[in-house]
């Protein structure tokens, strides 16, 4: 890549339909491939598009929540791979530890979804990795509907 392949942040902002602040936040926190050259933030259009495509969309269609969700999913996948903490106990204890999900909802999910990461060790005793469970919920977004910002402003479905 030569300096001739680089475009300034104004052009990046224009073709990506993102604000300068958003682009710089993505650079600082999520590795957007831009760098400061001669006092101006610059990047290669092809590298920026490749970075966005790795997150599942074109840079023009990418929104801040898409970037955040990609990195949260990546973090959760790494935690699952390392087999970090697990929660075990009764269904009520597991449900409370996973965010006060009603045990009846979890029982329904256990009957309905074969890929749910909650394992029954023996009758009445369950085990789950919170990271694996959060990853599972991200794969099934229709199961959780947020009605507001509060902890109790959530509806679950089967």
C-alpha atoms as a PDB file:
ATOM      1  CA  UNK A   1       0.000   0.000   0.000  1.00  0.00           C
ATOM      2  CA  UNK A   2       1.433   3.366  -0.985  1.00  0.00           C
ATOM      3  CA  UNK A   3       0.460   6.820   0.201  1.00  0.00           C
ATOM      4  CA  UNK A   4      -1.335   7.267  -3.117  1.00  0.00           C
ATOM      5  CA  UNK A   5      -3.800   4.533  -2.152  1.00  0.00           C
ATOM      6  CA  UNK A   6      -4.798   6.419   0.999  1.00  0.00           C
ATOM      7  CA  UNK A   7      -7.819   8.670   1.325  1.00  0.00           C
ATOM      8  CA  UNK A   8      -8.487  11.264   4.012  1.00  0.00           C
ATOM      9  CA  UNK A   9     -11.020  10.971   6.808  1.00  0.00           C
ATOM     10  CA  UNK A  10     -13.441  13.315   5.012  1.00  0.00           C
ATOM     11  CA  UNK A  11     -13.561  10.920   2.042  1.00  0.00           C
ATOM     12  CA  UNK A  12     -13.783   7.909   4.366  1.00  0.00           C
ATOM     13  CA  UNK A  13     -16.653   9.571   6.201  1.00  0.00           C
ATOM     14  CA  UNK A  14     -18.399  10.368   2.930  1.00  0.00           C
ATOM     15  CA  UNK A  15     -18.143   6.886   1.384  1.00  0.00           C
ATOM     16  CA  UNK A  16     -18.871   5.072   4.668  1.00  0.00           C
ATOM     17  CA  UNK A  17     -21.746   7.364   5.732  1.00  0.00           C
ATOM     18  CA  UNK A  18     -20.182   7.517   9.237  1.00  0.00           C
ATOM     19  CA  UNK A  19     -19.282  10.521  11.367  1.00  0.00           C
ATOM     20  CA  UNK A  20     -15.591  11.301  11.996  1.00  0.00           C
ATOM     21  CA  UNK A  21     -16.081  10.561  15.718  1.00  0.00           C
ATOM     22  CA  UNK A  22     -17.515   7.120  14.964  1.00  0.00           C
ATOM     23  CA  UNK A  23     -14.624   6.268  12.650  1.00  0.00           C
ATOM     24  CA  UNK A  24     -12.052   7.334  15.243  1.00  0.00           C
ATOM     25  CA  UNK A  25     -13.852   5.354  17.990  1.00  0.00           C
ATOM     26  CA  UNK A  26     -13.830   2.283  15.735  1.00  0.00           C
ATOM     27  CA  UNK A  27     -10.116   2.831  15.151  1.00  0.00           C
ATOM     28  CA  UNK A  28      -9.325   3.193  18.847  1.00  0.00           C
ATOM     29  CA  UNK A  29     -11.472   0.363  20.164  1.00  0.00           C
ATOM     30  CA  UNK A  30     -12.067  -2.010  17.255  1.00  0.00           C
ATOM     31  CA  UNK A  31      -9.042  -1.696  14.959  1.00  0.00           C
ATOM     32  CA  UNK A  32     -10.449   0.210  11.970  1.00  0.00           C
ATOM     33  CA  UNK A  33      -7.403   0.400   9.660  1.00  0.00           C
ATOM     34  CA  UNK A  34      -6.782   4.160   9.535  1.00  0.00           C
ATOM     35  CA  UNK A  35      -3.687   6.052  10.648  1.00  0.00           C
ATOM     36  CA  UNK A  36      -2.553   9.621  11.051  1.00  0.00           C
ATOM     37  CA  UNK A  37      -0.202  10.759   8.304  1.00  0.00           C
ATOM     38  CA  UNK A  38       0.900  14.374   8.133  1.00  0.00           C
ATOM     39  CA  UNK A  39      -1.663  15.363  10.749  1.00  0.00           C
ATOM     40  CA  UNK A  40      -4.592  13.860   8.774  1.00  0.00           C
ATOM     41  CA  UNK A  41      -6.346  10.556   9.452  1.00  0.00           C
ATOM     42  CA  UNK A  42      -6.074   8.393   6.337  1.00  0.00           C
ATOM     43  CA  UNK A  43      -6.961   4.884   5.272  1.00  0.00           C
ATOM     44  CA  UNK A  44      -7.077   2.571   2.311  1.00  0.00           C
ATOM     45  CA  UNK A  45     -10.617   2.148   0.959  1.00  0.00           C
ATOM     46  CA  UNK A  46     -10.098  -1.579   0.197  1.00  0.00           C
ATOM     47  CA  UNK A  47      -8.693  -2.322   3.682  1.00  0.00           C
ATOM     48  CA  UNK A  48     -11.564  -0.444   5.331  1.00  0.00           C
ATOM     49  CA  UNK A  49     -14.101  -2.367   3.265  1.00  0.00           C
ATOM     50  CA  UNK A  50     -12.378  -5.671   4.136  1.00  0.00           C
ATOM     51  CA  UNK A  51     -12.500  -4.705   7.844  1.00  0.00           C
ATOM     52  CA  UNK A  52     -16.255  -4.021   7.543  1.00  0.00           C
ATOM     53  CA  UNK A  53     -16.940  -7.218   5.560  1.00  0.00           C
ATOM     54  CA  UNK A  54     -15.324  -9.224   8.376  1.00  0.00           C
ATOM     55  CA  UNK A  55     -18.165  -7.859  10.493  1.00  0.00           C
ATOM     56  CA  UNK A  56     -20.740  -9.088   7.982  1.00  0.00           C
ATOM     57  CA  UNK A  57     -21.637  -5.893   6.101  1.00  0.00           C
ATOM     58  CA  UNK A  58     -20.418  -3.278   3.680  1.00  0.00           C
ATOM     59  CA  UNK A  59     -18.944  -0.194   5.364  1.00  0.00           C
ATOM     60  CA  UNK A  60     -21.935   1.800   4.047  1.00  0.00           C
ATOM     61  CA  UNK A  61     -24.378  -0.520   5.828  1.00  0.00           C
ATOM     62  CA  UNK A  62     -22.361  -0.966   9.028  1.00  0.00           C
ATOM     63  CA  UNK A  63     -23.773   0.685  12.139  1.00  0.00           C
ATOM     64  CA  UNK A  64     -22.134   1.162  15.553  1.00  0.00           C
ATOM     65  CA  UNK A  65     -24.198  -1.627  17.151  1.00  0.00           C
ATOM     66  CA  UNK A  66     -23.015  -4.053  14.433  1.00  0.00           C
ATOM     67  CA  UNK A  67     -19.389  -3.357  15.335  1.00  0.00           C
ATOM     68  CA  UNK A  68     -20.088  -3.665  19.066  1.00  0.00           C
ATOM     69  CA  UNK A  69     -22.030  -6.938  18.567  1.00  0.00           C
ATOM     70  CA  UNK A  70     -19.213  -8.415  16.476  1.00  0.00           C
ATOM     71  CA  UNK A  71     -16.648  -7.761  19.178  1.00  0.00           C
ATOM     72  CA  UNK A  72     -18.937  -8.933  21.975  1.00  0.00           C
ATOM     73  CA  UNK A  73     -19.563 -12.174  20.064  1.00  0.00           C
ATOM     74  CA  UNK A  74     -15.802 -12.582  19.506  1.00  0.00           C
ATOM     75  CA  UNK A  75     -15.136 -12.012  23.223  1.00  0.00           C
ATOM     76  CA  UNK A  76     -17.806 -14.541  24.210  1.00  0.00           C
ATOM     77  CA  UNK A  77     -16.465 -17.124  21.756  1.00  0.00           C
ATOM     78  CA  UNK A  78     -12.995 -16.733  23.284  1.00  0.00           C
ATOM     79  CA  UNK A  79     -14.425 -17.142  26.803  1.00  0.00           C
ATOM     80  CA  UNK A  80     -16.293 -20.294  25.751  1.00  0.00           C
ATOM     81  CA  UNK A  81     -13.143 -21.661  24.139  1.00  0.00           C
ATOM     82  CA  UNK A  82     -11.178 -21.102  27.359  1.00  0.00           C
ATOM     83  CA  UNK A  83     -14.009 -22.742  29.297  1.00  0.00           C
ATOM     84  CA  UNK A  84     -14.098 -19.892  31.772  1.00  0.00           C
ATOM     85  CA  UNK A  85     -16.556 -19.913  34.667  1.00  0.00           C
ATOM     86  CA  UNK A  86     -19.551 -22.217  34.823  1.00  0.00           C
ATOM     87  CA  UNK A  87     -22.635 -22.016  36.982  1.00  0.00           C
ATOM     88  CA  UNK A  88     -24.198 -25.141  38.377  1.00  0.00           C
ATOM     89  CA  UNK A  89     -27.114 -25.859  40.637  1.00  0.00           C
ATOM     90  CA  UNK A  90     -30.878 -25.934  40.532  1.00  0.00           C
ATOM     91  CA  UNK A  91     -32.698 -24.447  37.563  1.00  0.00           C
ATOM     92  CA  UNK A  92     -33.753 -21.495  39.745  1.00  0.00           C
ATOM     93  CA  UNK A  93     -30.136 -20.798  40.726  1.00  0.00           C
ATOM     94  CA  UNK A  94     -28.946 -21.036  37.120  1.00  0.00           C
ATOM     95  CA  UNK A  95     -31.825 -18.829  35.913  1.00  0.00           C
ATOM     96  CA  UNK A  96     -31.047 -16.174  38.531  1.00  0.00           C
ATOM     97  CA  UNK A  97     -27.334 -16.201  37.670  1.00  0.00           C
ATOM     98  CA  UNK A  98     -28.112 -15.771  33.967  1.00  0.00           C
ATOM     99  CA  UNK A  99     -30.009 -12.555  34.588  1.00  0.00           C
ATOM    100  CA  UNK A 100     -33.189 -13.466  36.474  1.00  0.00           C
ATOM    101  CA  UNK A 101     -34.715 -15.307  33.543  1.00  0.00           C
ATOM    102  CA  UNK A 102     -37.880 -17.047  34.729  1.00  0.00           C
ATOM    103  CA  UNK A 103     -37.159 -20.776  35.238  1.00  0.00           C
ATOM    104  CA  UNK A 104     -40.296 -21.639  33.237  1.00  0.00           C
ATOM    105  CA  UNK A 105     -38.789 -19.874  30.217  1.00  0.00           C
ATOM    106  CA  UNK A 106     -35.547 -21.824  30.559  1.00  0.00           C
ATOM    107  CA  UNK A 107     -37.523 -25.076  30.889  1.00  0.00           C
ATOM    108  CA  UNK A 108     -39.334 -24.196  27.670  1.00  0.00           C
ATOM    109  CA  UNK A 109     -36.062 -23.438  25.918  1.00  0.00           C
ATOM    110  CA  UNK A 110     -34.588 -26.732  27.127  1.00  0.00           C
ATOM    111  CA  UNK A 111     -37.537 -28.604  25.580  1.00  0.00           C
ATOM    112  CA  UNK A 112     -37.611 -26.547  22.380  1.00  0.00           C
ATOM    113  CA  UNK A 113     -33.990 -25.769  21.517  1.00  0.00           C
ATOM    114  CA  UNK A 114     -31.541 -28.630  21.142  1.00  0.00           C
ATOM    115  CA  UNK A 115     -28.541 -26.296  20.926  1.00  0.00           C
ATOM    116  CA  UNK A 116     -29.078 -24.506  24.258  1.00  0.00           C
ATOM    117  CA  UNK A 117     -25.829 -24.686  26.270  1.00  0.00           C
ATOM    118  CA  UNK A 118     -27.543 -25.518  29.572  1.00  0.00           C
ATOM    119  CA  UNK A 119     -26.775 -29.134  30.429  1.00  0.00           C
ATOM    120  CA  UNK A 120     -28.702 -31.275  32.893  1.00  0.00           C
ATOM    121  CA  UNK A 121     -26.130 -33.103  35.000  1.00  0.00           C
ATOM    122  CA  UNK A 122     -28.768 -35.067  36.880  1.00  0.00           C
ATOM    123  CA  UNK A 123     -32.415 -34.530  37.692  1.00  0.00           C
ATOM    124  CA  UNK A 124     -32.821 -31.012  39.069  1.00  0.00           C
ATOM    125  CA  UNK A 125     -29.136 -30.090  38.696  1.00  0.00           C
ATOM    126  CA  UNK A 126     -27.908 -28.021  35.727  1.00  0.00           C
ATOM    127  CA  UNK A 127     -24.668 -26.492  34.481  1.00  0.00           C
ATOM    128  CA  UNK A 128     -24.001 -23.642  32.065  1.00  0.00           C
ATOM    129  CA  UNK A 129     -21.225 -21.336  30.960  1.00  0.00           C
ATOM    130  CA  UNK A 130     -22.583 -17.764  31.101  1.00  0.00           C
ATOM    131  CA  UNK A 131     -20.475 -16.838  28.049  1.00  0.00           C
ATOM    132  CA  UNK A 132     -21.840 -19.781  26.039  1.00  0.00           C
ATOM    133  CA  UNK A 133     -25.371 -18.857  27.082  1.00  0.00           C
ATOM    134  CA  UNK A 134     -24.945 -15.191  26.056  1.00  0.00           C
ATOM    135  CA  UNK A 135     -23.517 -16.347  22.735  1.00  0.00           C
ATOM    136  CA  UNK A 136     -26.514 -18.653  22.283  1.00  0.00           C
ATOM    137  CA  UNK A 137     -28.907 -15.761  22.981  1.00  0.00           C
ATOM    138  CA  UNK A 138     -27.075 -13.635  20.388  1.00  0.00           C
ATOM    139  CA  UNK A 139     -27.711 -16.401  17.841  1.00  0.00           C
ATOM    140  CA  UNK A 140     -31.418 -16.418  18.729  1.00  0.00           C
ATOM    141  CA  UNK A 141     -32.338 -12.721  19.026  1.00  0.00           C
ATOM    142  CA  UNK A 142     -36.086 -13.363  18.613  1.00  0.00           C
ATOM    143  CA  UNK A 143     -36.159 -15.025  22.048  1.00  0.00           C
ATOM    144  CA  UNK A 144     -35.460 -11.764  23.899  1.00  0.00           C
ATOM    145  CA  UNK A 145     -37.241  -8.484  23.349  1.00  0.00           C
ATOM    146  CA  UNK A 146     -36.089  -5.385  25.188  1.00  0.00           C
ATOM    147  CA  UNK A 147     -38.937  -3.019  26.084  1.00  0.00           C
ATOM    148  CA  UNK A 148     -36.747  -0.444  27.834  1.00  0.00           C
ATOM    149  CA  UNK A 149     -33.438   0.102  29.583  1.00  0.00           C
ATOM    150  CA  UNK A 150     -34.395  -1.446  32.930  1.00  0.00           C
ATOM    151  CA  UNK A 151     -33.553  -4.971  34.065  1.00  0.00           C
ATOM    152  CA  UNK A 152     -37.240  -5.871  34.200  1.00  0.00           C
ATOM    153  CA  UNK A 153     -38.029  -4.382  30.791  1.00  0.00           C
ATOM    154  CA  UNK A 154     -37.370  -7.675  28.994  1.00  0.00           C
ATOM    155  CA  UNK A 155     -39.796 -10.173  27.501  1.00  0.00           C
ATOM    156  CA  UNK A 156     -38.792 -13.729  26.669  1.00  0.00           C
ATOM    157  CA  UNK A 157     -40.435 -16.062  24.186  1.00  0.00           C
ATOM    158  CA  UNK A 158     -40.038 -19.624  22.957  1.00  0.00           C
END
